[in-house]
Amino acid sequence: MPWFIKTETFIVAPVEARPHLAAHRAWVEQLRQQGVRISSGYLVDGDGRPGGGGLLLLEATDHAAAEALIRQDPMLTSGCVDWSLQQWIGAVGDLGVG
């Protein structure tokens, strides 16, 4: 199955996003328990400081299925982030996602 990458940038203050981050983590964990191959994390700067946004990797049958799933993400439904979704096609290397 193809892999997809959701990138996001915060458009609200971290304190406002905090409860939605907890819901996001629970949502990802629930999907993982259902067998969805998905992983989520946050981005940090060169000094290791978070706050810029996040990255989510997931496997789905096609772009429409990936988008339908992503639109359920509490970070999106809460309006905390701007986001984009793209399919990723690995060309060189092996991260164990193929």
PDB file of N, CA and C in Angstrom:
ATOM      1  N   MET A   1       0.844  -1.185   0.000  1.00  0.00           N
ATOM      2  CA  MET A   1       0.000   0.000   0.000  1.00  0.00           C
ATOM      3  C   MET A   1       0.881   1.237   0.000  1.00  0.00           C
ATOM      4  N   PRO A   2       0.386   2.317  -0.579  1.00  0.00           N
ATOM      5  CA  PRO A   2       1.160   3.562  -0.601  1.00  0.00           C
ATOM      6  C   PRO A   2       1.245   4.223   0.784  1.00  0.00           C
ATOM      7  N   TRP A   3       2.294   5.037   0.917  1.00  0.00           N
ATOM      8  CA  TRP A   3       2.495   5.827   2.129  1.00  0.00           C
ATOM      9  C   TRP A   3       2.167   7.290   1.850  1.00  0.00           C
ATOM     10  N   PHE A   4       1.673   7.967   2.879  1.00  0.00           N
ATOM     11  CA  PHE A   4       1.291   9.371   2.778  1.00  0.00           C
ATOM     12  C   PHE A   4       1.902  10.133   3.945  1.00  0.00           C
ATOM     13  N   ILE A   5       2.173  11.407   3.687  1.00  0.00           N
ATOM     14  CA  ILE A   5       2.741  12.286   4.704  1.00  0.00           C
ATOM     15  C   ILE A   5       1.843  13.493   4.878  1.00  0.00           C
ATOM     16  N   LYS A   6       1.419  13.703   6.120  1.00  0.00           N
ATOM     17  CA  LYS A   6       0.685  14.925   6.461  1.00  0.00           C
ATOM     18  C   LYS A   6       1.670  15.826   7.186  1.00  0.00           C
ATOM     19  N   THR A   7       1.876  17.016   6.663  1.00  0.00           N
ATOM     20  CA  THR A   7       2.674  18.010   7.371  1.00  0.00           C
ATOM     21  C   THR A   7       1.723  19.069   7.901  1.00  0.00           C
ATOM     22  N   GLU A   8       2.091  19.655   9.016  1.00  0.00           N
ATOM     23  CA  GLU A   8       1.223  20.664   9.610  1.00  0.00           C
ATOM     24  C   GLU A   8       2.050  21.720  10.312  1.00  0.00           C
ATOM     25  N   THR A   9       1.490  22.920  10.364  1.00  0.00           N
ATOM     26  CA  THR A   9       2.072  24.011  11.136  1.00  0.00           C
ATOM     27  C   THR A   9       0.988  24.557  12.052  1.00  0.00           C
ATOM     28  N   PHE A  10       1.384  24.867  13.265  1.00  0.00           N
ATOM     29  CA  PHE A  10       0.430  25.383  14.241  1.00  0.00           C
ATOM     30  C   PHE A  10      -0.012  26.802  13.870  1.00  0.00           C
ATOM     31  N   ILE A  11      -1.288  27.067  14.034  1.00  0.00           N
ATOM     32  CA  ILE A  11      -1.817  28.411  13.811  1.00  0.00           C
ATOM     33  C   ILE A  11      -2.449  28.970  15.086  1.00  0.00           C
ATOM     34  N   VAL A  12      -2.258  28.245  16.195  1.00  0.00           N
ATOM     35  CA  VAL A  12      -2.720  28.705  17.505  1.00  0.00           C
ATOM     36  C   VAL A  12      -1.557  28.608  18.478  1.00  0.00           C
ATOM     37  N   ALA A  13      -1.686  29.259  19.612  1.00  0.00           N
ATOM     38  CA  ALA A  13      -0.660  29.198  20.656  1.00  0.00           C
ATOM     39  C   ALA A  13      -0.561  27.784  21.217  1.00  0.00           C
ATOM     40  N   PRO A  14       0.644  27.373  21.632  1.00  0.00           N
ATOM     41  CA  PRO A  14       0.817  26.017  22.174  1.00  0.00           C
ATOM     42  C   PRO A  14      -0.152  25.680  23.305  1.00  0.00           C
ATOM     43  N   VAL A  15      -0.425  26.626  24.168  1.00  0.00           N
ATOM     44  CA  VAL A  15      -1.339  26.355  25.285  1.00  0.00           C
ATOM     45  C   VAL A  15      -2.741  26.041  24.768  1.00  0.00           C
ATOM     46  N   GLU A  16      -3.145  26.659  23.685  1.00  0.00           N
ATOM     47  CA  GLU A  16      -4.464  26.392  23.104  1.00  0.00           C
ATOM     48  C   GLU A  16      -4.502  25.030  22.411  1.00  0.00           C
ATOM     49  N   ALA A  17      -3.381  24.603  21.869  1.00  0.00           N
ATOM     50  CA  ALA A  17      -3.322  23.329  21.147  1.00  0.00           C
ATOM     51  C   ALA A  17      -3.189  22.125  22.086  1.00  0.00           C
ATOM     52  N   ARG A  18      -2.723  22.332  23.294  1.00  0.00           N
ATOM     53  CA  ARG A  18      -2.386  21.229  24.205  1.00  0.00           C
ATOM     54  C   ARG A  18      -3.505  20.184  24.357  1.00  0.00           C
ATOM     55  N   PRO A  19      -4.751  20.562  24.648  1.00  0.00           N
ATOM     56  CA  PRO A  19      -5.780  19.511  24.800  1.00  0.00           C
ATOM     57  C   PRO A  19      -6.044  18.764  23.493  1.00  0.00           C
ATOM     58  N   HIS A  20      -5.870  19.433  22.387  1.00  0.00           N
ATOM     59  CA  HIS A  20      -6.095  18.791  21.092  1.00  0.00           C
ATOM     60  C   HIS A  20      -4.935  17.850  20.745  1.00  0.00           C
ATOM     61  N   LEU A  21      -3.735  18.171  21.220  1.00  0.00           N
ATOM     62  CA  LEU A  21      -2.600  17.267  21.044  1.00  0.00           C
ATOM     63  C   LEU A  21      -2.837  15.953  21.787  1.00  0.00           C
ATOM     64  N   ALA A  22      -3.394  16.042  22.976  1.00  0.00           N
ATOM     65  CA  ALA A  22      -3.707  14.825  23.739  1.00  0.00           C
ATOM     66  C   ALA A  22      -4.747  13.988  22.991  1.00  0.00           C
ATOM     67  N   ALA A  23      -5.757  14.639  22.443  1.00  0.00           N
ATOM     68  CA  ALA A  23      -6.777  13.922  21.667  1.00  0.00           C
ATOM     69  C   ALA A  23      -6.174  13.325  20.406  1.00  0.00           C
ATOM     70  N   HIS A  24      -5.250  14.054  19.780  1.00  0.00           N
ATOM     71  CA  HIS A  24      -4.569  13.559  18.589  1.00  0.00           C
ATOM     72  C   HIS A  24      -3.786  12.287  18.899  1.00  0.00           C
ATOM     73  N   ARG A  25      -3.046  12.312  19.991  1.00  0.00           N
ATOM     74  CA  ARG A  25      -2.258  11.134  20.374  1.00  0.00           C
ATOM     75  C   ARG A  25      -3.163   9.925  20.627  1.00  0.00           C
ATOM     76  N   ALA A  26      -4.275  10.144  21.302  1.00  0.00           N
ATOM     77  CA  ALA A  26      -5.227   9.058  21.569  1.00  0.00           C
ATOM     78  C   ALA A  26      -5.820   8.533  20.257  1.00  0.00           C
ATOM     79  N   TRP A  27      -6.114   9.436  19.327  1.00  0.00           N
ATOM     80  CA  TRP A  27      -6.655   9.054  18.015  1.00  0.00           C
ATOM     81  C   TRP A  27      -5.652   8.185  17.259  1.00  0.00           C
ATOM     82  N   VAL A  28      -4.383   8.605  17.230  1.00  0.00           N
ATOM     83  CA  VAL A  28      -3.348   7.824  16.542  1.00  0.00           C
ATOM     84  C   VAL A  28      -3.201   6.458  17.198  1.00  0.00           C
ATOM     85  N   GLU A  29      -3.167   6.407  18.508  1.00  0.00           N
ATOM     86  CA  GLU A  29      -3.014   5.131  19.209  1.00  0.00           C
ATOM     87  C   GLU A  29      -4.202   4.210  18.933  1.00  0.00           C
ATOM     88  N   GLN A  30      -5.394   4.752  18.893  1.00  0.00           N
ATOM     89  CA  GLN A  30      -6.577   3.944  18.586  1.00  0.00           C
ATOM     90  C   GLN A  30      -6.469   3.349  17.181  1.00  0.00           C
ATOM     91  N   LEU A  31      -6.022   4.158  16.220  1.00  0.00           N
ATOM     92  CA  LEU A  31      -5.845   3.652  14.858  1.00  0.00           C
ATOM     93  C   LEU A  31      -4.787   2.552  14.814  1.00  0.00           C
ATOM     94  N   ARG A  32      -3.713   2.739  15.548  1.00  0.00           N
ATOM     95  CA  ARG A  32      -2.653   1.722  15.596  1.00  0.00           C
ATOM     96  C   ARG A  32      -3.202   0.409  16.159  1.00  0.00           C
ATOM     97  N   GLN A  33      -4.024   0.497  17.186  1.00  0.00           N
ATOM     98  CA  GLN A  33      -4.612  -0.702  17.779  1.00  0.00           C
ATOM     99  C   GLN A  33      -5.567  -1.396  16.803  1.00  0.00           C
ATOM    100  N   GLN A  34      -6.104  -0.623  15.846  1.00  0.00           N
ATOM    101  CA  GLN A  34      -6.990  -1.187  14.818  1.00  0.00           C
ATOM    102  C   GLN A  34      -6.202  -1.741  13.634  1.00  0.00           C
ATOM    103  N   GLY A  35      -4.866  -1.641  13.682  1.00  0.00           N
ATOM    104  CA  GLY A  35      -4.037  -2.196  12.634  1.00  0.00           C
ATOM    105  C   GLY A  35      -3.594  -1.217  11.566  1.00  0.00           C
ATOM    106  N   VAL A  36      -3.936   0.060  11.707  1.00  0.00           N
ATOM    107  CA  VAL A  36      -3.493   1.075  10.747  1.00  0.00           C
ATOM    108  C   VAL A  36      -2.011   1.344  10.985  1.00  0.00           C
ATOM    109  N   ARG A  37      -1.242   1.366   9.911  1.00  0.00           N
ATOM    110  CA  ARG A  37       0.183   1.713  10.022  1.00  0.00           C
ATOM    111  C   ARG A  37       0.282   3.231   9.960  1.00  0.00           C
ATOM    112  N   ILE A  38       0.533   3.835  11.108  1.00  0.00           N
ATOM    113  CA  ILE A  38       0.530   5.293  11.249  1.00  0.00           C
ATOM    114  C   ILE A  38       1.529   5.674  12.342  1.00  0.00           C
ATOM    115  N   SER A  39       2.194   6.798  12.144  1.00  0.00           N
ATOM    116  CA  SER A  39       3.131   7.303  13.133  1.00  0.00           C
ATOM    117  C   SER A  39       3.091   8.825  13.100  1.00  0.00           C
ATOM    118  N   SER A  40       3.123   9.434  14.253  1.00  0.00           N
ATOM    119  CA  SER A  40       3.008  10.885  14.349  1.00  0.00           C
ATOM    120  C   SER A  40       4.088  11.437  15.264  1.00  0.00           C
ATOM    121  N   GLY A  41       4.565  12.629  14.939  1.00  0.00           N
ATOM    122  CA  GLY A  41       5.558  13.271  15.780  1.00  0.00           C
ATOM    123  C   GLY A  41       5.603  14.765  15.520  1.00  0.00           C
ATOM    124  N   TYR A  42       6.408  15.448  16.307  1.00  0.00           N
ATOM    125  CA  TYR A  42       6.501  16.901  16.163  1.00  0.00           C
ATOM    126  C   TYR A  42       7.865  17.287  15.618  1.00  0.00           C
ATOM    127  N   LEU A  43       7.923  18.468  15.070  1.00  0.00           N
ATOM    128  CA  LEU A  43       9.148  18.995  14.481  1.00  0.00           C
ATOM    129  C   LEU A  43       9.844  19.909  15.475  1.00  0.00           C
ATOM    130  N   VAL A  44      11.172  19.880  15.459  1.00  0.00           N
ATOM    131  CA  VAL A  44      11.966  20.734  16.341  1.00  0.00           C
ATOM    132  C   VAL A  44      12.988  21.499  15.510  1.00  0.00           C
ATOM    133  N   ASP A  45      13.485  22.601  16.068  1.00  0.00           N
ATOM    134  CA  ASP A  45      14.491  23.391  15.362  1.00  0.00           C
ATOM    135  C   ASP A  45      15.890  22.840  15.649  1.00  0.00           C
ATOM    136  N   GLY A  46      16.913  23.533  15.176  1.00  0.00           N
ATOM    137  CA  GLY A  46      18.284  23.082  15.334  1.00  0.00           C
ATOM    138  C   GLY A  46      18.748  22.967  16.776  1.00  0.00           C
ATOM    139  N   ASP A  47      18.053  23.637  17.683  1.00  0.00           N
ATOM    140  CA  ASP A  47      18.390  23.561  19.100  1.00  0.00           C
ATOM    141  C   ASP A  47      17.495  22.578  19.848  1.00  0.00           C
ATOM    142  N   GLY A  48      16.652  21.846  19.100  1.00  0.00           N
ATOM    143  CA  GLY A  48      15.785  20.853  19.724  1.00  0.00           C
ATOM    144  C   GLY A  48      14.517  21.409  20.321  1.00  0.00           C
ATOM    145  N   ARG A  49      14.183  22.664  19.973  1.00  0.00           N
ATOM    146  CA  ARG A  49      12.970  23.281  20.522  1.00  0.00           C
ATOM    147  C   ARG A  49      11.772  22.957  19.627  1.00  0.00           C
ATOM    148  N   PRO A  50      10.696  22.385  20.201  1.00  0.00           N
ATOM    149  CA  PRO A  50       9.492  22.114  19.419  1.00  0.00           C
ATOM    150  C   PRO A  50       8.672  23.380  19.211  1.00  0.00           C
ATOM    151  N   GLY A  51       7.642  23.251  18.424  1.00  0.00           N
ATOM    152  CA  GLY A  51       6.710  24.358  18.259  1.00  0.00           C
ATOM    153  C   GLY A  51       6.397  24.699  16.822  1.00  0.00           C
ATOM    154  N   GLY A  52       7.139  24.149  15.880  1.00  0.00           N
ATOM    155  CA  GLY A  52       6.906  24.492  14.479  1.00  0.00           C
ATOM    156  C   GLY A  52       5.757  23.759  13.845  1.00  0.00           C
ATOM    157  N   GLY A  53       5.463  22.569  14.320  1.00  0.00           N
ATOM    158  CA  GLY A  53       4.403  21.779  13.719  1.00  0.00           C
ATOM    159  C   GLY A  53       4.681  20.306  13.865  1.00  0.00           C
ATOM    160  N   GLY A  54       4.086  19.528  12.966  1.00  0.00           N
ATOM    161  CA  GLY A  54       4.213  18.089  13.090  1.00  0.00           C
ATOM    162  C   GLY A  54       4.255  17.385  11.747  1.00  0.00           C
ATOM    163  N   LEU A  55       4.508  16.099  11.831  1.00  0.00           N
ATOM    164  CA  LEU A  55       4.597  15.238  10.662  1.00  0.00           C
ATOM    165  C   LEU A  55       3.905  13.929  11.018  1.00  0.00           C
ATOM    166  N   LEU A  56       3.068  13.447  10.126  1.00  0.00           N
ATOM    167  CA  LEU A  56       2.370  12.193  10.338  1.00  0.00           C
ATOM    168  C   LEU A  56       2.557  11.329   9.102  1.00  0.00           C
ATOM    169  N   LEU A  57       2.936  10.081   9.305  1.00  0.00           N
ATOM    170  CA  LEU A  57       3.094   9.109   8.223  1.00  0.00           C
ATOM    171  C   LEU A  57       1.993   8.076   8.356  1.00  0.00           C
ATOM    172  N   LEU A  58       1.369   7.726   7.250  1.00  0.00           N
ATOM    173  CA  LEU A  58       0.373   6.673   7.311  1.00  0.00           C
ATOM    174  C   LEU A  58       0.304   5.918   5.994  1.00  0.00           C
ATOM    175  N   GLU A  59      -0.120   4.689   6.109  1.00  0.00           N
ATOM    176  CA  GLU A  59      -0.308   3.831   4.950  1.00  0.00           C
ATOM    177  C   GLU A  59      -1.802   3.783   4.662  1.00  0.00           C
ATOM    178  N   ALA A  60      -2.165   3.955   3.382  1.00  0.00           N
ATOM    179  CA  ALA A  60      -3.575   3.921   2.991  1.00  0.00           C
ATOM    180  C   ALA A  60      -3.674   3.401   1.559  1.00  0.00           C
ATOM    181  N   THR A  61      -4.851   2.975   1.181  1.00  0.00           N
ATOM    182  CA  THR A  61      -5.041   2.406  -0.151  1.00  0.00           C
ATOM    183  C   THR A  61      -4.843   3.426  -1.256  1.00  0.00           C
ATOM    184  N   ASP A  62      -5.226   4.684  -1.009  1.00  0.00           N
ATOM    185  CA  ASP A  62      -5.063   5.740  -2.005  1.00  0.00           C
ATOM    186  C   ASP A  62      -5.180   7.100  -1.317  1.00  0.00           C
ATOM    187  N   HIS A  63      -4.994   8.166  -2.104  1.00  0.00           N
ATOM    188  CA  HIS A  63      -5.017   9.521  -1.550  1.00  0.00           C
ATOM    189  C   HIS A  63      -6.365   9.842  -0.902  1.00  0.00           C
ATOM    190  N   ALA A  64      -7.444   9.429  -1.549  1.00  0.00           N
ATOM    191  CA  ALA A  64      -8.780   9.716  -1.003  1.00  0.00           C
ATOM    192  C   ALA A  64      -8.971   9.063   0.363  1.00  0.00           C
ATOM    193  N   ALA A  65      -8.514   7.825   0.506  1.00  0.00           N
ATOM    194  CA  ALA A  65      -8.636   7.131   1.794  1.00  0.00           C
ATOM    195  C   ALA A  65      -7.763   7.795   2.859  1.00  0.00           C
ATOM    196  N   ALA A  66      -6.554   8.193   2.471  1.00  0.00           N
ATOM    197  CA  ALA A  66      -5.667   8.881   3.415  1.00  0.00           C
ATOM    198  C   ALA A  66      -6.286  10.199   3.862  1.00  0.00           C
ATOM    199  N   GLU A  67      -6.825  10.958   2.913  1.00  0.00           N
ATOM    200  CA  GLU A  67      -7.431  12.244   3.269  1.00  0.00           C
ATOM    201  C   GLU A  67      -8.658  12.063   4.152  1.00  0.00           C
ATOM    202  N   ALA A  68      -9.481  11.067   3.845  1.00  0.00           N
ATOM    203  CA  ALA A  68     -10.666  10.815   4.676  1.00  0.00           C
ATOM    204  C   ALA A  68     -10.258  10.519   6.113  1.00  0.00           C
ATOM    205  N   LEU A  69      -9.192   9.761   6.287  1.00  0.00           N
ATOM    206  CA  LEU A  69      -8.706   9.452   7.632  1.00  0.00           C
ATOM    207  C   LEU A  69      -8.140  10.698   8.310  1.00  0.00           C
ATOM    208  N   ILE A  70      -7.310  11.426   7.599  1.00  0.00           N
ATOM    209  CA  ILE A  70      -6.668  12.619   8.155  1.00  0.00           C
ATOM    210  C   ILE A  70      -7.698  13.667   8.576  1.00  0.00           C
ATOM    211  N   ARG A  71      -8.765  13.774   7.849  1.00  0.00           N
ATOM    212  CA  ARG A  71      -9.791  14.770   8.190  1.00  0.00           C
ATOM    213  C   ARG A  71     -10.472  14.486   9.527  1.00  0.00           C
ATOM    214  N   GLN A  72     -10.228  13.298  10.095  1.00  0.00           N
ATOM    215  CA  GLN A  72     -10.753  12.953  11.423  1.00  0.00           C
ATOM    216  C   GLN A  72      -9.783  13.330  12.544  1.00  0.00           C
ATOM    217  N   ASP A  73      -8.590  13.748  12.192  1.00  0.00           N
ATOM    218  CA  ASP A  73      -7.546  14.082  13.161  1.00  0.00           C
ATOM    219  C   ASP A  73      -7.994  15.259  14.033  1.00  0.00           C
ATOM    220  N   PRO A  74      -7.964  15.100  15.349  1.00  0.00           N
ATOM    221  CA  PRO A  74      -8.356  16.200  16.233  1.00  0.00           C
ATOM    222  C   PRO A  74      -7.567  17.493  16.022  1.00  0.00           C
ATOM    223  N   MET A  75      -6.348  17.409  15.519  1.00  0.00           N
ATOM    224  CA  MET A  75      -5.596  18.632  15.245  1.00  0.00           C
ATOM    225  C   MET A  75      -6.232  19.412  14.095  1.00  0.00           C
ATOM    226  N   LEU A  76      -6.835  18.710  13.148  1.00  0.00           N
ATOM    227  CA  LEU A  76      -7.512  19.370  12.037  1.00  0.00           C
ATOM    228  C   LEU A  76      -8.905  19.832  12.444  1.00  0.00           C
ATOM    229  N   THR A  77      -9.652  18.940  13.073  1.00  0.00           N
ATOM    230  CA  THR A  77     -11.034  19.275  13.419  1.00  0.00           C
ATOM    231  C   THR A  77     -11.107  20.431  14.415  1.00  0.00           C
ATOM    232  N   SER A  78     -10.041  20.619  15.195  1.00  0.00           N
ATOM    233  CA  SER A  78     -10.008  21.717  16.168  1.00  0.00           C
ATOM    234  C   SER A  78      -9.600  23.045  15.539  1.00  0.00           C
ATOM    235  N   GLY A  79      -9.067  22.985  14.319  1.00  0.00           N
ATOM    236  CA  GLY A  79      -8.607  24.206  13.664  1.00  0.00           C
ATOM    237  C   GLY A  79      -7.273  24.710  14.180  1.00  0.00           C
ATOM    238  N   CYS A  80      -6.476  23.841  14.794  1.00  0.00           N
ATOM    239  CA  CYS A  80      -5.198  24.249  15.371  1.00  0.00           C
ATOM    240  C   CYS A  80      -4.071  24.350  14.356  1.00  0.00           C
ATOM    241  N   VAL A  81      -4.227  23.748  13.178  1.00  0.00           N
ATOM    242  CA  VAL A  81      -3.116  23.653  12.237  1.00  0.00           C
ATOM    243  C   VAL A  81      -3.544  23.944  10.806  1.00  0.00           C
ATOM    244  N   ASP A  82      -2.586  24.439  10.037  1.00  0.00           N
ATOM    245  CA  ASP A  82      -2.659  24.396   8.580  1.00  0.00           C
ATOM    246  C   ASP A  82      -1.977  23.098   8.195  1.00  0.00           C
ATOM    247  N   TRP A  83      -2.443  22.430   7.157  1.00  0.00           N
ATOM    248  CA  TRP A  83      -1.892  21.126   6.845  1.00  0.00           C
ATOM    249  C   TRP A  83      -1.878  20.868   5.349  1.00  0.00           C
ATOM    250  N   SER A  84      -1.080  19.879   4.972  1.00  0.00           N
ATOM    251  CA  SER A  84      -1.091  19.381   3.596  1.00  0.00           C
ATOM    252  C   SER A  84      -0.871  17.879   3.647  1.00  0.00           C
ATOM    253  N   LEU A  85      -1.328  17.197   2.617  1.00  0.00           N
ATOM    254  CA  LEU A  85      -1.204  15.748   2.528  1.00  0.00           C
ATOM    255  C   LEU A  85      -0.656  15.391   1.160  1.00  0.00           C
ATOM    256  N   GLN A  86       0.381  14.576   1.168  1.00  0.00           N
ATOM    257  CA  GLN A  86       0.983  14.131  -0.080  1.00  0.00           C
ATOM    258  C   GLN A  86       1.331  12.664   0.017  1.00  0.00           C
ATOM    259  N   GLN A  87       1.283  11.980  -1.133  1.00  0.00           N
ATOM    260  CA  GLN A  87       1.772  10.609  -1.166  1.00  0.00           C
ATOM    261  C   GLN A  87       3.291  10.665  -1.223  1.00  0.00           C
ATOM    262  N   TRP A  88       3.922   9.705  -0.561  1.00  0.00           N
ATOM    263  CA  TRP A  88       5.373   9.612  -0.572  1.00  0.00           C
ATOM    264  C   TRP A  88       5.758   8.333  -1.292  1.00  0.00           C
ATOM    265  N   ILE A  89       6.653   8.446  -2.251  1.00  0.00           N
ATOM    266  CA  ILE A  89       7.161   7.299  -2.984  1.00  0.00           C
ATOM    267  C   ILE A  89       8.659   7.216  -2.714  1.00  0.00           C
ATOM    268  N   GLY A  90       9.048   6.230  -1.938  1.00  0.00           N
ATOM    269  CA  GLY A  90      10.458   6.043  -1.613  1.00  0.00           C
ATOM    270  C   GLY A  90      11.241   5.649  -2.860  1.00  0.00           C
ATOM    271  N   ALA A  91      12.385   6.263  -3.050  1.00  0.00           N
ATOM    272  CA  ALA A  91      13.205   5.973  -4.233  1.00  0.00           C
ATOM    273  C   ALA A  91      14.540   5.343  -3.873  1.00  0.00           C
ATOM    274  N   VAL A  92      15.133   5.766  -2.772  1.00  0.00           N
ATOM    275  CA  VAL A  92      16.447   5.266  -2.383  1.00  0.00           C
ATOM    276  C   VAL A  92      16.438   5.076  -0.865  1.00  0.00           C
ATOM    277  N   GLY A  93      16.983   3.979  -0.399  1.00  0.00           N
ATOM    278  CA  GLY A  93      17.058   3.742   1.037  1.00  0.00           C
ATOM    279  C   GLY A  93      15.931   2.849   1.515  1.00  0.00           C
ATOM    280  N   ASP A  94      15.976   2.533   2.800  1.00  0.00           N
ATOM    281  CA  ASP A  94      14.984   1.652   3.379  1.00  0.00           C
ATOM    282  C   ASP A  94      14.761   2.045   4.837  1.00  0.00           C
ATOM    283  N   LEU A  95      13.595   2.561   5.118  1.00  0.00           N
ATOM    284  CA  LEU A  95      13.227   2.898   6.483  1.00  0.00           C
ATOM    285  C   LEU A  95      12.328   1.828   7.101  1.00  0.00           C
ATOM    286  N   GLY A  96      12.142   0.733   6.389  1.00  0.00           N
ATOM    287  CA  GLY A  96      11.269  -0.317   6.895  1.00  0.00           C
ATOM    288  C   GLY A  96       9.801   0.001   6.717  1.00  0.00           C
ATOM    289  N   VAL A  97       9.475   0.908   5.797  1.00  0.00           N
ATOM    290  CA  VAL A  97       8.073   1.265   5.576  1.00  0.00           C
ATOM    291  C   VAL A  97       7.551   0.705   4.261  1.00  0.00           C
ATOM    292  N   GLY A  98       8.387   0.037   3.508  1.00  0.00           N
ATOM    293  CA  GLY A  98       7.975  -0.437   2.195  1.00  0.00           C
ATOM    294  C   GLY A  98       7.293  -1.758   2.181  1.00  0.00           C
TER     295      GLY A  98
END
